[in-house]
Amino acid sequence: MVPIVGVVGDYNPENLTHLATESGLAHAAIRFEWVSTTDVRADGPEERLGRYAGLFIATASPYRHMDGLLAAIRLARERGVPLVGS
């Protein structure tokens, strides 16, 4: 099974930093999926993010749900999940 990175943020195709994030990860041949902060908040961090090999915190705040974003960071810290934030 190929590892997948969860990109935690509220994707907007008009946001240049989101397009650059996608381009950079694709160029590095990293499989990724966007995860909205709303989903993390609603489903809970373990349920929504537990399947990812690592997490990437997307740029471009404000986030829809800061609680969801902070829960993702906490999950990574407490479970030893690799995390990149910018």
PDB file of N, CA and C in Angstrom:
ATOM      1  N   MET A   1       0.831  -1.173   0.000  1.00  0.00           N
ATOM      2  CA  MET A   1       0.000   0.000   0.000  1.00  0.00           C
ATOM      3  C   MET A   1       0.882   1.245   0.000  1.00  0.00           C
ATOM      4  N   VAL A   2       0.575   2.184  -0.881  1.00  0.00           N
ATOM      5  CA  VAL A   2       1.364   3.403  -1.013  1.00  0.00           C
ATOM      6  C   VAL A   2       0.935   4.413   0.055  1.00  0.00           C
ATOM      7  N   PRO A   3       1.885   4.967   0.792  1.00  0.00           N
ATOM      8  CA  PRO A   3       1.525   5.940   1.833  1.00  0.00           C
ATOM      9  C   PRO A   3       0.900   7.201   1.223  1.00  0.00           C
ATOM     10  N   ILE A   4      -0.031   7.774   1.955  1.00  0.00           N
ATOM     11  CA  ILE A   4      -0.710   8.998   1.530  1.00  0.00           C
ATOM     12  C   ILE A   4      -0.540  10.045   2.627  1.00  0.00           C
ATOM     13  N   VAL A   5      -0.291  11.271   2.211  1.00  0.00           N
ATOM     14  CA  VAL A   5      -0.179  12.397   3.129  1.00  0.00           C
ATOM     15  C   VAL A   5      -1.507  13.145   3.131  1.00  0.00           C
ATOM     16  N   GLY A   6      -1.994  13.483   4.296  1.00  0.00           N
ATOM     17  CA  GLY A   6      -3.189  14.309   4.417  1.00  0.00           C
ATOM     18  C   GLY A   6      -2.800  15.773   4.468  1.00  0.00           C
ATOM     19  N   VAL A   7      -3.332  16.560   3.544  1.00  0.00           N
ATOM     20  CA  VAL A   7      -3.087  18.001   3.535  1.00  0.00           C
ATOM     21  C   VAL A   7      -4.271  18.652   4.245  1.00  0.00           C
ATOM     22  N   VAL A   8      -4.036  19.137   5.451  1.00  0.00           N
ATOM     23  CA  VAL A   8      -5.107  19.688   6.273  1.00  0.00           C
ATOM     24  C   VAL A   8      -5.234  21.178   5.986  1.00  0.00           C
ATOM     25  N   GLY A   9      -6.378  21.545   5.450  1.00  0.00           N
ATOM     26  CA  GLY A   9      -6.659  22.934   5.109  1.00  0.00           C
ATOM     27  C   GLY A   9      -7.944  22.991   4.309  1.00  0.00           C
ATOM     28  N   ASP A  10      -8.383  24.172   4.040  1.00  0.00           N
ATOM     29  CA  ASP A  10      -9.655  24.360   3.345  1.00  0.00           C
ATOM     30  C   ASP A  10      -9.372  24.758   1.901  1.00  0.00           C
ATOM     31  N   TYR A  11      -9.277  23.742   1.051  1.00  0.00           N
ATOM     32  CA  TYR A  11      -8.832  23.900  -0.331  1.00  0.00           C
ATOM     33  C   TYR A  11      -9.666  24.911  -1.104  1.00  0.00           C
ATOM     34  N   ASN A  12      -8.949  25.778  -1.793  1.00  0.00           N
ATOM     35  CA  ASN A  12      -9.567  26.769  -2.667  1.00  0.00           C
ATOM     36  C   ASN A  12      -8.752  26.789  -3.955  1.00  0.00           C
ATOM     37  N   PRO A  13      -9.345  26.379  -5.092  1.00  0.00           N
ATOM     38  CA  PRO A  13      -8.581  26.312  -6.342  1.00  0.00           C
ATOM     39  C   PRO A  13      -8.128  27.679  -6.857  1.00  0.00           C
ATOM     40  N   GLU A  14      -8.609  28.749  -6.268  1.00  0.00           N
ATOM     41  CA  GLU A  14      -8.178  30.093  -6.670  1.00  0.00           C
ATOM     42  C   GLU A  14      -7.025  30.607  -5.803  1.00  0.00           C
ATOM     43  N   ASN A  15      -6.666  29.844  -4.786  1.00  0.00           N
ATOM     44  CA  ASN A  15      -5.597  30.242  -3.876  1.00  0.00           C
ATOM     45  C   ASN A  15      -4.257  29.753  -4.443  1.00  0.00           C
ATOM     46  N   LEU A  16      -3.387  30.684  -4.746  1.00  0.00           N
ATOM     47  CA  LEU A  16      -2.108  30.321  -5.369  1.00  0.00           C
ATOM     48  C   LEU A  16      -1.246  29.441  -4.473  1.00  0.00           C
ATOM     49  N   THR A  17      -1.312  29.626  -3.162  1.00  0.00           N
ATOM     50  CA  THR A  17      -0.507  28.776  -2.281  1.00  0.00           C
ATOM     51  C   THR A  17      -1.027  27.335  -2.283  1.00  0.00           C
ATOM     52  N   HIS A  18      -2.316  27.157  -2.431  1.00  0.00           N
ATOM     53  CA  HIS A  18      -2.862  25.799  -2.511  1.00  0.00           C
ATOM     54  C   HIS A  18      -2.445  25.134  -3.818  1.00  0.00           C
ATOM     55  N   LEU A  19      -2.460  25.884  -4.901  1.00  0.00           N
ATOM     56  CA  LEU A  19      -2.007  25.332  -6.181  1.00  0.00           C
ATOM     57  C   LEU A  19      -0.521  24.990  -6.122  1.00  0.00           C
ATOM     58  N   ALA A  20       0.263  25.826  -5.457  1.00  0.00           N
ATOM     59  CA  ALA A  20       1.699  25.555  -5.322  1.00  0.00           C
ATOM     60  C   ALA A  20       1.940  24.329  -4.450  1.00  0.00           C
ATOM     61  N   THR A  21       1.138  24.169  -3.403  1.00  0.00           N
ATOM     62  CA  THR A  21       1.258  22.976  -2.552  1.00  0.00           C
ATOM     63  C   THR A  21       0.999  21.724  -3.370  1.00  0.00           C
ATOM     64  N   GLU A  22      -0.071  21.735  -4.134  1.00  0.00           N
ATOM     65  CA  GLU A  22      -0.388  20.576  -4.978  1.00  0.00           C
ATOM     66  C   GLU A  22       0.718  20.304  -5.984  1.00  0.00           C
ATOM     67  N   SER A  23       1.207  21.348  -6.603  1.00  0.00           N
ATOM     68  CA  SER A  23       2.258  21.190  -7.607  1.00  0.00           C
ATOM     69  C   SER A  23       3.537  20.625  -6.987  1.00  0.00           C
ATOM     70  N   GLY A  24       3.916  21.144  -5.831  1.00  0.00           N
ATOM     71  CA  GLY A  24       5.136  20.672  -5.160  1.00  0.00           C
ATOM     72  C   GLY A  24       5.035  19.218  -4.726  1.00  0.00           C
ATOM     73  N   LEU A  25       3.918  18.858  -4.132  1.00  0.00           N
ATOM     74  CA  LEU A  25       3.746  17.466  -3.693  1.00  0.00           C
ATOM     75  C   LEU A  25       3.688  16.517  -4.889  1.00  0.00           C
ATOM     76  N   ALA A  26       3.000  16.937  -5.940  1.00  0.00           N
ATOM     77  CA  ALA A  26       2.935  16.104  -7.153  1.00  0.00           C
ATOM     78  C   ALA A  26       4.325  15.966  -7.773  1.00  0.00           C
ATOM     79  N   HIS A  27       5.066  17.062  -7.809  1.00  0.00           N
ATOM     80  CA  HIS A  27       6.425  17.029  -8.378  1.00  0.00           C
ATOM     81  C   HIS A  27       7.330  16.093  -7.580  1.00  0.00           C
ATOM     82  N   ALA A  28       7.110  16.019  -6.278  1.00  0.00           N
ATOM     83  CA  ALA A  28       7.896  15.120  -5.423  1.00  0.00           C
ATOM     84  C   ALA A  28       7.346  13.690  -5.435  1.00  0.00           C
ATOM     85  N   ALA A  29       6.316  13.461  -6.250  1.00  0.00           N
ATOM     86  CA  ALA A  29       5.680  12.136  -6.377  1.00  0.00           C
ATOM     87  C   ALA A  29       5.113  11.648  -5.046  1.00  0.00           C
ATOM     88  N   ILE A  30       4.545  12.571  -4.279  1.00  0.00           N
ATOM     89  CA  ILE A  30       3.918  12.232  -3.002  1.00  0.00           C
ATOM     90  C   ILE A  30       2.417  12.160  -3.218  1.00  0.00           C
ATOM     91  N   ARG A  31       1.830  11.029  -2.856  1.00  0.00           N
ATOM     92  CA  ARG A  31       0.368  10.915  -2.919  1.00  0.00           C
ATOM     93  C   ARG A  31      -0.222  11.710  -1.766  1.00  0.00           C
ATOM     94  N   PHE A  32      -1.267  12.469  -2.059  1.00  0.00           N
ATOM     95  CA  PHE A  32      -1.873  13.308  -1.019  1.00  0.00           C
ATOM     96  C   PHE A  32      -3.362  13.458  -1.257  1.00  0.00           C
ATOM     97  N   GLU A  33      -4.038  13.821  -0.173  1.00  0.00           N
ATOM     98  CA  GLU A  33      -5.458  14.138  -0.215  1.00  0.00           C
ATOM     99  C   GLU A  33      -5.697  15.356   0.663  1.00  0.00           C
ATOM    100  N   TRP A  34      -6.562  16.245   0.201  1.00  0.00           N
ATOM    101  CA  TRP A  34      -6.945  17.397   1.003  1.00  0.00           C
ATOM    102  C   TRP A  34      -7.969  16.957   2.045  1.00  0.00           C
ATOM    103  N   VAL A  35      -7.833  17.480   3.249  1.00  0.00           N
ATOM    104  CA  VAL A  35      -8.773  17.211   4.339  1.00  0.00           C
ATOM    105  C   VAL A  35      -9.172  18.563   4.916  1.00  0.00           C
ATOM    106  N   SER A  36     -10.451  18.881   4.842  1.00  0.00           N
ATOM    107  CA  SER A  36     -10.883  20.187   5.347  1.00  0.00           C
ATOM    108  C   SER A  36     -10.892  20.199   6.872  1.00  0.00           C
ATOM    109  N   THR A  37     -10.694  21.384   7.416  1.00  0.00           N
ATOM    110  CA  THR A  37     -10.730  21.529   8.868  1.00  0.00           C
ATOM    111  C   THR A  37     -12.133  21.236   9.398  1.00  0.00           C
ATOM    112  N   THR A  38     -13.130  21.444   8.569  1.00  0.00           N
ATOM    113  CA  THR A  38     -14.509  21.122   8.949  1.00  0.00           C
ATOM    114  C   THR A  38     -14.664  19.626   9.174  1.00  0.00           C
ATOM    115  N   ASP A  39     -14.082  18.819   8.278  1.00  0.00           N
ATOM    116  CA  ASP A  39     -14.171  17.362   8.406  1.00  0.00           C
ATOM    117  C   ASP A  39     -13.443  16.856   9.644  1.00  0.00           C
ATOM    118  N   VAL A  40     -12.290  17.426   9.937  1.00  0.00           N
ATOM    119  CA  VAL A  40     -11.535  17.000  11.122  1.00  0.00           C
ATOM    120  C   VAL A  40     -12.347  17.316  12.367  1.00  0.00           C
ATOM    121  N   ARG A  41     -12.935  18.472  12.395  1.00  0.00           N
ATOM    122  CA  ARG A  41     -13.727  18.883  13.558  1.00  0.00           C
ATOM    123  C   ARG A  41     -14.962  18.000  13.719  1.00  0.00           C
ATOM    124  N   ALA A  42     -15.646  17.710  12.610  1.00  0.00           N
ATOM    125  CA  ALA A  42     -16.892  16.947  12.670  1.00  0.00           C
ATOM    126  C   ALA A  42     -16.655  15.470  12.966  1.00  0.00           C
ATOM    127  N   ASP A  43     -15.671  14.871  12.300  1.00  0.00           N
ATOM    128  CA  ASP A  43     -15.434  13.428  12.416  1.00  0.00           C
ATOM    129  C   ASP A  43     -14.501  13.070  13.560  1.00  0.00           C
ATOM    130  N   GLY A  44     -13.746  14.031  14.040  1.00  0.00           N
ATOM    131  CA  GLY A  44     -12.733  13.759  15.053  1.00  0.00           C
ATOM    132  C   GLY A  44     -11.410  13.467  14.376  1.00  0.00           C
ATOM    133  N   PRO A  45     -10.312  13.909  14.981  1.00  0.00           N
ATOM    134  CA  PRO A  45      -9.010  13.775  14.329  1.00  0.00           C
ATOM    135  C   PRO A  45      -8.578  12.331  14.088  1.00  0.00           C
ATOM    136  N   GLU A  46      -8.780  11.459  15.048  1.00  0.00           N
ATOM    137  CA  GLU A  46      -8.333  10.065  14.877  1.00  0.00           C
ATOM    138  C   GLU A  46      -9.105   9.391  13.749  1.00  0.00           C
ATOM    139  N   GLU A  47     -10.401   9.597  13.733  1.00  0.00           N
ATOM    140  CA  GLU A  47     -11.255   8.984  12.703  1.00  0.00           C
ATOM    141  C   GLU A  47     -10.920   9.517  11.316  1.00  0.00           C
ATOM    142  N   ARG A  48     -10.714  10.801  11.211  1.00  0.00           N
ATOM    143  CA  ARG A  48     -10.530  11.415   9.892  1.00  0.00           C
ATOM    144  C   ARG A  48      -9.084  11.351   9.409  1.00  0.00           C
ATOM    145  N   LEU A  49      -8.114  11.367  10.303  1.00  0.00           N
ATOM    146  CA  LEU A  49      -6.708  11.479   9.890  1.00  0.00           C
ATOM    147  C   LEU A  49      -5.868  10.244  10.167  1.00  0.00           C
ATOM    148  N   GLY A  50      -6.427   9.267  10.846  1.00  0.00           N
ATOM    149  CA  GLY A  50      -5.663   8.102  11.274  1.00  0.00           C
ATOM    150  C   GLY A  50      -5.040   7.278  10.162  1.00  0.00           C
ATOM    151  N   ARG A  51      -5.536   7.378   8.967  1.00  0.00           N
ATOM    152  CA  ARG A  51      -5.031   6.542   7.867  1.00  0.00           C
ATOM    153  C   ARG A  51      -3.835   7.135   7.124  1.00  0.00           C
ATOM    154  N   TYR A  52      -3.482   8.390   7.432  1.00  0.00           N
ATOM    155  CA  TYR A  52      -2.411   9.045   6.681  1.00  0.00           C
ATOM    156  C   TYR A  52      -1.042   8.762   7.282  1.00  0.00           C
ATOM    157  N   ALA A  53      -0.047   8.647   6.404  1.00  0.00           N
ATOM    158  CA  ALA A  53       1.330   8.396   6.834  1.00  0.00           C
ATOM    159  C   ALA A  53       1.976   9.654   7.390  1.00  0.00           C
ATOM    160  N   GLY A  54       1.427  10.798   7.062  1.00  0.00           N
ATOM    161  CA  GLY A  54       1.930  12.075   7.537  1.00  0.00           C
ATOM    162  C   GLY A  54       0.905  13.152   7.265  1.00  0.00           C
ATOM    163  N   LEU A  55       1.096  14.300   7.888  1.00  0.00           N
ATOM    164  CA  LEU A  55       0.188  15.419   7.695  1.00  0.00           C
ATOM    165  C   LEU A  55       0.968  16.649   7.255  1.00  0.00           C
ATOM    166  N   PHE A  56       0.352  17.398   6.373  1.00  0.00           N
ATOM    167  CA  PHE A  56       0.907  18.659   5.884  1.00  0.00           C
ATOM    168  C   PHE A  56      -0.136  19.723   6.189  1.00  0.00           C
ATOM    169  N   ILE A  57       0.232  20.737   6.945  1.00  0.00           N
ATOM    170  CA  ILE A  57      -0.696  21.802   7.276  1.00  0.00           C
ATOM    171  C   ILE A  57      -0.617  22.847   6.171  1.00  0.00           C
ATOM    172  N   ALA A  58      -1.730  23.021   5.467  1.00  0.00           N
ATOM    173  CA  ALA A  58      -1.767  23.933   4.326  1.00  0.00           C
ATOM    174  C   ALA A  58      -1.649  25.383   4.787  1.00  0.00           C
ATOM    175  N   THR A  59      -1.088  26.180   3.921  1.00  0.00           N
ATOM    176  CA  THR A  59      -0.996  27.613   4.177  1.00  0.00           C
ATOM    177  C   THR A  59      -2.334  28.270   3.876  1.00  0.00           C
ATOM    178  N   ALA A  60      -2.387  29.558   4.104  1.00  0.00           N
ATOM    179  CA  ALA A  60      -3.534  30.397   3.736  1.00  0.00           C
ATOM    180  C   ALA A  60      -4.662  30.348   4.744  1.00  0.00           C
ATOM    181  N   SER A  61      -4.409  30.896   5.906  1.00  0.00           N
ATOM    182  CA  SER A  61      -5.479  31.065   6.867  1.00  0.00           C
ATOM    183  C   SER A  61      -6.293  32.295   6.445  1.00  0.00           C
ATOM    184  N   PRO A  62      -7.451  32.557   6.971  1.00  0.00           N
ATOM    185  CA  PRO A  62      -8.026  31.847   8.098  1.00  0.00           C
ATOM    186  C   PRO A  62      -8.609  30.505   7.669  1.00  0.00           C
ATOM    187  N   TYR A  63      -8.565  29.571   8.600  1.00  0.00           N
ATOM    188  CA  TYR A  63      -9.152  28.261   8.361  1.00  0.00           C
ATOM    189  C   TYR A  63     -10.616  28.316   8.783  1.00  0.00           C
ATOM    190  N   ARG A  64     -11.444  27.489   8.176  1.00  0.00           N
ATOM    191  CA  ARG A  64     -12.867  27.477   8.545  1.00  0.00           C
ATOM    192  C   ARG A  64     -13.049  27.097  10.015  1.00  0.00           C
ATOM    193  N   HIS A  65     -12.262  26.118  10.466  1.00  0.00           N
ATOM    194  CA  HIS A  65     -12.372  25.664  11.855  1.00  0.00           C
ATOM    195  C   HIS A  65     -10.984  25.485  12.445  1.00  0.00           C
ATOM    196  N   MET A  66     -10.540  26.503  13.156  1.00  0.00           N
ATOM    197  CA  MET A  66      -9.228  26.445  13.794  1.00  0.00           C
ATOM    198  C   MET A  66      -9.140  25.263  14.750  1.00  0.00           C
ATOM    199  N   ASP A  67     -10.267  24.902  15.391  1.00  0.00           N
ATOM    200  CA  ASP A  67     -10.269  23.741  16.289  1.00  0.00           C
ATOM    201  C   ASP A  67      -9.892  22.463  15.553  1.00  0.00           C
ATOM    202  N   GLY A  68     -10.389  22.303  14.328  1.00  0.00           N
ATOM    203  CA  GLY A  68     -10.046  21.126  13.525  1.00  0.00           C
ATOM    204  C   GLY A  68      -8.572  21.108  13.171  1.00  0.00           C
ATOM    205  N   LEU A  69      -8.032  22.269  12.831  1.00  0.00           N
ATOM    206  CA  LEU A  69      -6.613  22.362  12.498  1.00  0.00           C
ATOM    207  C   LEU A  69      -5.745  22.035  13.709  1.00  0.00           C
ATOM    208  N   LEU A  70      -6.070  22.622  14.847  1.00  0.00           N
ATOM    209  CA  LEU A  70      -5.290  22.363  16.061  1.00  0.00           C
ATOM    210  C   LEU A  70      -5.410  20.909  16.507  1.00  0.00           C
ATOM    211  N   ALA A  71      -6.573  20.299  16.284  1.00  0.00           N
ATOM    212  CA  ALA A  71      -6.742  18.875  16.624  1.00  0.00           C
ATOM    213  C   ALA A  71      -5.844  18.010  15.746  1.00  0.00           C
ATOM    214  N   ALA A  72      -5.676  18.379  14.478  1.00  0.00           N
ATOM    215  CA  ALA A  72      -4.787  17.635  13.586  1.00  0.00           C
ATOM    216  C   ALA A  72      -3.342  17.726  14.067  1.00  0.00           C
ATOM    217  N   ILE A  73      -2.922  18.921  14.457  1.00  0.00           N
ATOM    218  CA  ILE A  73      -1.561  19.110  14.964  1.00  0.00           C
ATOM    219  C   ILE A  73      -1.359  18.328  16.259  1.00  0.00           C
ATOM    220  N   ARG A  74      -2.337  18.374  17.129  1.00  0.00           N
ATOM    221  CA  ARG A  74      -2.247  17.631  18.396  1.00  0.00           C
ATOM    222  C   ARG A  74      -2.143  16.133  18.139  1.00  0.00           C
ATOM    223  N   LEU A  75      -2.957  15.623  17.216  1.00  0.00           N
ATOM    224  CA  LEU A  75      -2.905  14.199  16.879  1.00  0.00           C
ATOM    225  C   LEU A  75      -1.497  13.808  16.424  1.00  0.00           C
ATOM    226  N   ALA A  76      -0.929  14.607  15.534  1.00  0.00           N
ATOM    227  CA  ALA A  76       0.416  14.307  15.040  1.00  0.00           C
ATOM    228  C   ALA A  76       1.439  14.315  16.178  1.00  0.00           C
ATOM    229  N   ARG A  77       1.359  15.297  17.031  1.00  0.00           N
ATOM    230  CA  ARG A  77       2.309  15.415  18.142  1.00  0.00           C
ATOM    231  C   ARG A  77       2.185  14.234  19.106  1.00  0.00           C
ATOM    232  N   GLU A  78       0.953  13.886  19.460  1.00  0.00           N
ATOM    233  CA  GLU A  78       0.746  12.834  20.462  1.00  0.00           C
ATOM    234  C   GLU A  78       0.946  11.436  19.910  1.00  0.00           C
ATOM    235  N   ARG A  79       0.762  11.239  18.621  1.00  0.00           N
ATOM    236  CA  ARG A  79       0.871   9.894  18.020  1.00  0.00           C
ATOM    237  C   ARG A  79       2.171   9.694  17.238  1.00  0.00           C
ATOM    238  N   GLY A  80       3.011  10.729  17.186  1.00  0.00           N
ATOM    239  CA  GLY A  80       4.288  10.608  16.478  1.00  0.00           C
ATOM    240  C   GLY A  80       4.123  10.561  14.970  1.00  0.00           C
ATOM    241  N   VAL A  81       3.078  11.180  14.466  1.00  0.00           N
ATOM    242  CA  VAL A  81       2.845  11.232  13.013  1.00  0.00           C
ATOM    243  C   VAL A  81       3.690  12.351  12.422  1.00  0.00           C
ATOM    244  N   PRO A  82       4.438  12.105  11.343  1.00  0.00           N
ATOM    245  CA  PRO A  82       5.218  13.166  10.730  1.00  0.00           C
ATOM    246  C   PRO A  82       4.310  14.338  10.337  1.00  0.00           C
ATOM    247  N   LEU A  83       4.766  15.553  10.607  1.00  0.00           N
ATOM    248  CA  LEU A  83       3.968  16.752  10.377  1.00  0.00           C
ATOM    249  C   LEU A  83       4.836  17.837   9.768  1.00  0.00           C
ATOM    250  N   VAL A  84       4.303  18.483   8.731  1.00  0.00           N
ATOM    251  CA  VAL A  84       4.954  19.652   8.143  1.00  0.00           C
ATOM    252  C   VAL A  84       3.956  20.787   8.217  1.00  0.00           C
ATOM    253  N   GLY A  85       4.371  21.901   8.762  1.00  0.00           N
ATOM    254  CA  GLY A  85       3.537  23.095   8.809  1.00  0.00           C
ATOM    255  C   GLY A  85       4.307  24.255   8.204  1.00  0.00           C
ATOM    256  N   SER A  86       3.573  25.166   7.633  1.00  0.00           N
ATOM    257  CA  SER A  86       4.264  26.317   7.048  1.00  0.00           C
ATOM    258  C   SER A  86       3.641  27.602   7.523  1.00  0.00           C
TER     259      SER A  86
END
